[in-house]
N, C-alpha and C. Protein backbone atom coordinates (compact mmCIF):
# COMPACT_ATOMS: atom_id res chain seq x y z
N MET A 1 49.70 -29.59 -28.66
CA MET A 1 48.64 -30.10 -27.82
C MET A 1 49.13 -31.39 -27.17
N ASP A 2 48.91 -31.50 -25.88
CA ASP A 2 49.25 -32.74 -25.19
C ASP A 2 48.35 -33.86 -25.69
N PRO A 3 48.93 -35.01 -26.03
CA PRO A 3 48.09 -36.11 -26.50
C PRO A 3 47.19 -36.63 -25.37
N VAL A 4 46.02 -37.09 -25.74
CA VAL A 4 45.07 -37.64 -24.78
C VAL A 4 45.33 -39.14 -24.67
N ASP A 5 45.67 -39.59 -23.47
CA ASP A 5 45.82 -41.02 -23.21
C ASP A 5 44.46 -41.56 -22.82
N LEU A 6 43.91 -42.43 -23.65
CA LEU A 6 42.55 -42.90 -23.46
C LEU A 6 42.48 -44.13 -22.56
N LYS A 7 41.51 -44.09 -21.65
CA LYS A 7 41.16 -45.28 -20.88
C LYS A 7 40.16 -46.06 -21.73
N ASP A 8 39.93 -47.31 -21.36
CA ASP A 8 39.03 -48.16 -22.15
C ASP A 8 37.63 -47.57 -22.28
N ASP A 9 37.08 -47.03 -21.18
CA ASP A 9 35.72 -46.46 -21.25
C ASP A 9 35.68 -45.21 -22.13
N GLN A 10 36.75 -44.42 -22.13
CA GLN A 10 36.81 -43.24 -22.99
C GLN A 10 36.92 -43.66 -24.46
N ARG A 11 37.73 -44.68 -24.72
CA ARG A 11 37.86 -45.17 -26.10
C ARG A 11 36.52 -45.71 -26.60
N ASP A 12 35.80 -46.42 -25.74
CA ASP A 12 34.48 -46.94 -26.11
C ASP A 12 33.51 -45.80 -26.42
N LEU A 13 33.53 -44.76 -25.60
CA LEU A 13 32.66 -43.62 -25.84
C LEU A 13 33.00 -42.96 -27.18
N LEU A 14 34.28 -42.73 -27.42
CA LEU A 14 34.66 -42.08 -28.68
C LEU A 14 34.31 -42.95 -29.88
N ALA A 15 34.42 -44.26 -29.74
CA ALA A 15 34.02 -45.15 -30.84
C ALA A 15 32.53 -44.98 -31.13
N LYS A 16 31.73 -44.81 -30.08
CA LYS A 16 30.29 -44.60 -30.24
C LYS A 16 30.00 -43.25 -30.91
N LEU A 17 30.87 -42.28 -30.67
CA LEU A 17 30.66 -40.93 -31.20
C LEU A 17 31.43 -40.66 -32.49
N ALA A 18 32.09 -41.66 -33.02
CA ALA A 18 32.95 -41.47 -34.19
C ALA A 18 32.19 -41.02 -35.42
N HIS A 19 30.87 -41.17 -35.44
CA HIS A 19 30.10 -40.71 -36.61
C HIS A 19 30.17 -39.19 -36.79
N TYR A 20 30.60 -38.46 -35.75
CA TYR A 20 30.78 -37.02 -35.91
C TYR A 20 31.96 -36.68 -36.82
N VAL A 21 32.85 -37.62 -37.00
CA VAL A 21 33.95 -37.46 -37.95
C VAL A 21 33.61 -38.38 -39.13
N TRP A 22 32.63 -37.96 -39.90
CA TRP A 22 32.03 -38.80 -40.95
C TRP A 22 32.99 -39.10 -42.09
N TRP A 23 34.04 -38.32 -42.23
CA TRP A 23 34.95 -38.50 -43.36
C TRP A 23 36.03 -39.55 -43.09
N GLU A 24 36.06 -40.09 -41.88
CA GLU A 24 37.04 -41.13 -41.56
C GLU A 24 36.32 -42.36 -41.00
N PRO A 25 36.88 -43.55 -41.21
CA PRO A 25 36.32 -44.73 -40.56
C PRO A 25 36.44 -44.58 -39.04
N PRO A 26 35.51 -45.13 -38.27
CA PRO A 26 35.55 -44.99 -36.81
C PRO A 26 36.88 -45.38 -36.18
N GLU A 27 37.47 -46.46 -36.68
CA GLU A 27 38.74 -46.90 -36.08
C GLU A 27 39.87 -45.89 -36.30
N VAL A 28 39.77 -45.08 -37.35
CA VAL A 28 40.75 -44.03 -37.59
C VAL A 28 40.42 -42.79 -36.75
N ALA A 29 39.15 -42.44 -36.69
CA ALA A 29 38.72 -41.26 -35.93
C ALA A 29 39.15 -41.37 -34.47
N VAL A 30 39.07 -42.55 -33.90
CA VAL A 30 39.41 -42.75 -32.49
C VAL A 30 40.91 -42.58 -32.25
N THR A 31 41.72 -42.72 -33.28
CA THR A 31 43.17 -42.55 -33.10
C THR A 31 43.56 -41.08 -32.98
N ARG A 32 42.60 -40.19 -33.28
CA ARG A 32 42.83 -38.74 -33.13
C ARG A 32 41.79 -38.19 -32.16
N PRO A 33 41.91 -38.55 -30.87
CA PRO A 33 40.86 -38.19 -29.92
C PRO A 33 40.63 -36.69 -29.79
N GLU A 34 41.68 -35.88 -29.92
CA GLU A 34 41.50 -34.44 -29.79
C GLU A 34 40.57 -33.91 -30.88
N ARG A 35 40.75 -34.40 -32.10
CA ARG A 35 39.91 -33.95 -33.21
C ARG A 35 38.48 -34.43 -33.03
N LEU A 36 38.32 -35.67 -32.60
CA LEU A 36 36.99 -36.22 -32.39
C LEU A 36 36.27 -35.51 -31.25
N ILE A 37 36.97 -35.24 -30.16
CA ILE A 37 36.37 -34.51 -29.05
C ILE A 37 35.95 -33.11 -29.51
N ALA A 38 36.79 -32.44 -30.26
CA ALA A 38 36.44 -31.11 -30.78
C ALA A 38 35.21 -31.18 -31.66
N GLN A 39 35.11 -32.20 -32.46
CA GLN A 39 33.96 -32.33 -33.37
C GLN A 39 32.67 -32.52 -32.57
N VAL A 40 32.73 -33.31 -31.51
CA VAL A 40 31.55 -33.50 -30.65
C VAL A 40 31.23 -32.19 -29.94
N MET A 41 32.25 -31.48 -29.47
CA MET A 41 32.02 -30.20 -28.81
C MET A 41 31.38 -29.20 -29.77
N ASP A 42 31.72 -29.28 -31.04
CA ASP A 42 31.18 -28.34 -32.02
C ASP A 42 29.81 -28.75 -32.54
N LEU A 43 29.63 -30.02 -32.85
CA LEU A 43 28.42 -30.48 -33.54
C LEU A 43 27.52 -31.38 -32.70
N GLY A 44 28.02 -31.84 -31.56
CA GLY A 44 27.29 -32.84 -30.79
C GLY A 44 25.96 -32.35 -30.25
N ASP A 45 25.05 -33.31 -30.07
CA ASP A 45 23.80 -32.95 -29.39
C ASP A 45 24.10 -32.87 -27.89
N TRP A 46 23.13 -32.38 -27.13
CA TRP A 46 23.35 -32.14 -25.70
C TRP A 46 23.81 -33.40 -24.98
N ASP A 47 23.18 -34.54 -25.25
CA ASP A 47 23.53 -35.78 -24.56
C ASP A 47 24.97 -36.20 -24.87
N ASP A 48 25.37 -36.10 -26.12
CA ASP A 48 26.72 -36.48 -26.50
C ASP A 48 27.76 -35.53 -25.88
N GLU A 49 27.44 -34.24 -25.86
CA GLU A 49 28.34 -33.28 -25.23
C GLU A 49 28.48 -33.57 -23.74
N CYS A 50 27.37 -33.88 -23.09
CA CYS A 50 27.41 -34.22 -21.66
C CYS A 50 28.21 -35.49 -21.42
N ASP A 51 28.08 -36.48 -22.29
CA ASP A 51 28.86 -37.71 -22.16
C ASP A 51 30.36 -37.42 -22.25
N VAL A 52 30.74 -36.53 -23.17
CA VAL A 52 32.15 -36.16 -23.31
C VAL A 52 32.61 -35.41 -22.06
N GLU A 53 31.79 -34.51 -21.55
CA GLU A 53 32.15 -33.79 -20.33
C GLU A 53 32.31 -34.74 -19.14
N ASP A 54 31.45 -35.75 -19.06
CA ASP A 54 31.55 -36.72 -17.96
C ASP A 54 32.78 -37.60 -18.08
N ALA A 55 33.16 -37.92 -19.32
CA ALA A 55 34.24 -38.88 -19.54
C ALA A 55 35.63 -38.25 -19.48
N PHE A 56 35.71 -36.96 -19.78
CA PHE A 56 37.02 -36.33 -19.86
C PHE A 56 37.13 -35.18 -18.87
N ASP A 57 38.28 -35.08 -18.29
CA ASP A 57 38.62 -34.01 -17.36
C ASP A 57 38.48 -32.66 -18.08
N GLN A 58 38.08 -31.63 -17.33
CA GLN A 58 37.94 -30.30 -17.95
C GLN A 58 39.24 -29.81 -18.54
N GLY A 59 40.36 -30.24 -17.98
CA GLY A 59 41.66 -29.86 -18.54
C GLY A 59 41.84 -30.37 -19.95
N VAL A 60 41.33 -31.57 -20.21
CA VAL A 60 41.41 -32.13 -21.57
C VAL A 60 40.56 -31.29 -22.52
N LEU A 61 39.36 -30.96 -22.09
CA LEU A 61 38.47 -30.16 -22.94
C LEU A 61 39.04 -28.77 -23.18
N ARG A 62 39.62 -28.17 -22.15
CA ARG A 62 40.26 -26.86 -22.33
C ARG A 62 41.43 -26.96 -23.31
N ASN A 63 42.20 -28.02 -23.17
CA ASN A 63 43.34 -28.23 -24.07
C ASN A 63 42.88 -28.37 -25.52
N VAL A 64 41.80 -29.12 -25.72
CA VAL A 64 41.25 -29.29 -27.08
C VAL A 64 40.82 -27.93 -27.63
N LEU A 65 40.13 -27.16 -26.80
CA LEU A 65 39.62 -25.86 -27.26
C LEU A 65 40.76 -24.87 -27.52
N THR A 66 41.68 -24.76 -26.60
CA THR A 66 42.72 -23.74 -26.76
C THR A 66 43.76 -24.11 -27.82
N ASN A 67 43.81 -25.37 -28.21
CA ASN A 67 44.75 -25.80 -29.24
C ASN A 67 44.05 -26.19 -30.54
N ALA A 68 42.80 -25.81 -30.68
CA ALA A 68 42.03 -26.16 -31.88
C ALA A 68 42.64 -25.52 -33.11
N GLN A 69 42.53 -26.21 -34.20
CA GLN A 69 42.96 -25.67 -35.48
C GLN A 69 41.82 -24.89 -36.11
N ALA A 70 42.16 -24.06 -37.06
CA ALA A 70 41.16 -23.28 -37.79
C ALA A 70 40.12 -24.22 -38.39
N GLY A 71 38.86 -23.86 -38.22
CA GLY A 71 37.78 -24.64 -38.80
C GLY A 71 37.21 -25.72 -37.89
N TRP A 72 37.83 -25.96 -36.75
CA TRP A 72 37.33 -27.01 -35.85
C TRP A 72 36.07 -26.58 -35.12
N PHE A 73 35.91 -25.28 -34.86
CA PHE A 73 34.75 -24.79 -34.11
C PHE A 73 34.08 -23.66 -34.88
N ARG A 74 32.77 -23.70 -34.88
CA ARG A 74 32.00 -22.57 -35.38
C ARG A 74 31.94 -21.52 -34.27
N PRO A 75 31.69 -20.26 -34.62
CA PRO A 75 31.73 -19.19 -33.60
C PRO A 75 30.80 -19.45 -32.40
N LYS A 76 29.61 -19.95 -32.64
CA LYS A 76 28.67 -20.16 -31.54
C LYS A 76 29.20 -21.19 -30.53
N SER A 77 29.67 -22.33 -31.02
CA SER A 77 30.18 -23.34 -30.09
C SER A 77 31.51 -22.90 -29.49
N TRP A 78 32.32 -22.16 -30.23
CA TRP A 78 33.57 -21.62 -29.71
C TRP A 78 33.29 -20.77 -28.47
N SER A 79 32.33 -19.86 -28.59
CA SER A 79 31.97 -18.99 -27.45
C SER A 79 31.37 -19.80 -26.31
N PHE A 80 30.44 -20.72 -26.64
CA PHE A 80 29.79 -21.53 -25.62
C PHE A 80 30.82 -22.24 -24.75
N TRP A 81 31.77 -22.92 -25.38
CA TRP A 81 32.75 -23.71 -24.63
C TRP A 81 33.73 -22.83 -23.86
N HIS A 82 34.04 -21.65 -24.36
CA HIS A 82 34.90 -20.75 -23.59
C HIS A 82 34.22 -20.35 -22.29
N TYR A 83 32.92 -20.09 -22.35
CA TYR A 83 32.19 -19.75 -21.12
C TYR A 83 31.97 -20.99 -20.26
N ARG A 84 31.55 -22.07 -20.86
CA ARG A 84 31.24 -23.31 -20.12
C ARG A 84 32.45 -23.82 -19.35
N LEU A 85 33.63 -23.74 -19.93
CA LEU A 85 34.84 -24.26 -19.29
C LEU A 85 35.56 -23.21 -18.45
N GLY A 86 34.99 -22.01 -18.38
CA GLY A 86 35.57 -20.97 -17.54
C GLY A 86 36.84 -20.35 -18.09
N ILE A 87 37.08 -20.53 -19.37
CA ILE A 87 38.26 -19.93 -19.99
C ILE A 87 38.04 -18.43 -20.14
N THR A 88 36.82 -18.06 -20.49
CA THR A 88 36.42 -16.66 -20.61
C THR A 88 35.39 -16.37 -19.54
N PRO A 89 35.61 -15.35 -18.70
CA PRO A 89 34.61 -15.02 -17.68
C PRO A 89 33.33 -14.48 -18.32
N LEU A 90 32.22 -14.73 -17.64
CA LEU A 90 30.94 -14.19 -18.13
C LEU A 90 31.05 -12.68 -18.27
N GLY A 91 30.51 -12.17 -19.33
CA GLY A 91 30.55 -10.74 -19.61
C GLY A 91 31.75 -10.31 -20.43
N ALA A 92 32.76 -11.16 -20.51
CA ALA A 92 33.93 -10.85 -21.34
C ALA A 92 33.76 -11.49 -22.71
N GLN A 93 34.50 -11.00 -23.67
CA GLN A 93 34.46 -11.52 -25.04
C GLN A 93 35.47 -12.65 -25.16
N PRO A 94 35.04 -13.82 -25.67
CA PRO A 94 36.03 -14.86 -25.93
C PRO A 94 36.98 -14.42 -27.05
N PRO A 95 38.17 -15.01 -27.10
CA PRO A 95 39.07 -14.68 -28.20
C PRO A 95 38.46 -15.13 -29.53
N LEU A 96 38.95 -14.59 -30.59
CA LEU A 96 38.50 -15.03 -31.91
C LEU A 96 38.97 -16.47 -32.14
N PRO A 97 38.14 -17.28 -32.83
CA PRO A 97 38.59 -18.63 -33.16
C PRO A 97 39.79 -18.59 -34.11
N PRO A 98 40.56 -19.66 -34.14
CA PRO A 98 41.68 -19.70 -35.08
C PRO A 98 41.20 -19.48 -36.51
N GLN A 99 41.99 -18.78 -37.28
CA GLN A 99 41.62 -18.44 -38.66
C GLN A 99 42.62 -19.04 -39.63
N ARG A 100 42.12 -19.45 -40.77
CA ARG A 100 43.02 -19.84 -41.85
C ARG A 100 43.54 -18.59 -42.51
N ARG A 101 44.77 -18.60 -42.89
CA ARG A 101 45.36 -17.43 -43.54
C ARG A 101 45.94 -17.85 -44.88
N LEU A 102 45.74 -17.00 -45.85
CA LEU A 102 46.36 -17.22 -47.15
C LEU A 102 47.80 -16.79 -47.05
N SER A 103 48.69 -17.58 -47.61
CA SER A 103 50.10 -17.21 -47.55
C SER A 103 50.38 -16.08 -48.54
N ASP A 104 51.42 -15.32 -48.25
CA ASP A 104 51.77 -14.16 -49.10
C ASP A 104 52.36 -14.61 -50.41
């Protein structure tokens, strides 16, 4: 995944939204913007999702979605964002989300 180079306003927004990554301190969550953006895309309320869409280019959001690790998105939000970002055309089935696999 291409790293996200944050502008000051984007960093400020992510700091405000860092509570979505509750298992890390905000200053740590902001150092992994792709994970934090994915978490907002998956769990965020409508206003927070819209703020992320306004702050970040659709290419960044597509990159986060298409390079997500297993467990980053629930099926409902996975499908929503595939349609919303135009990755999957309406009427088509989005790809399956990444899956964790047990090693042999």
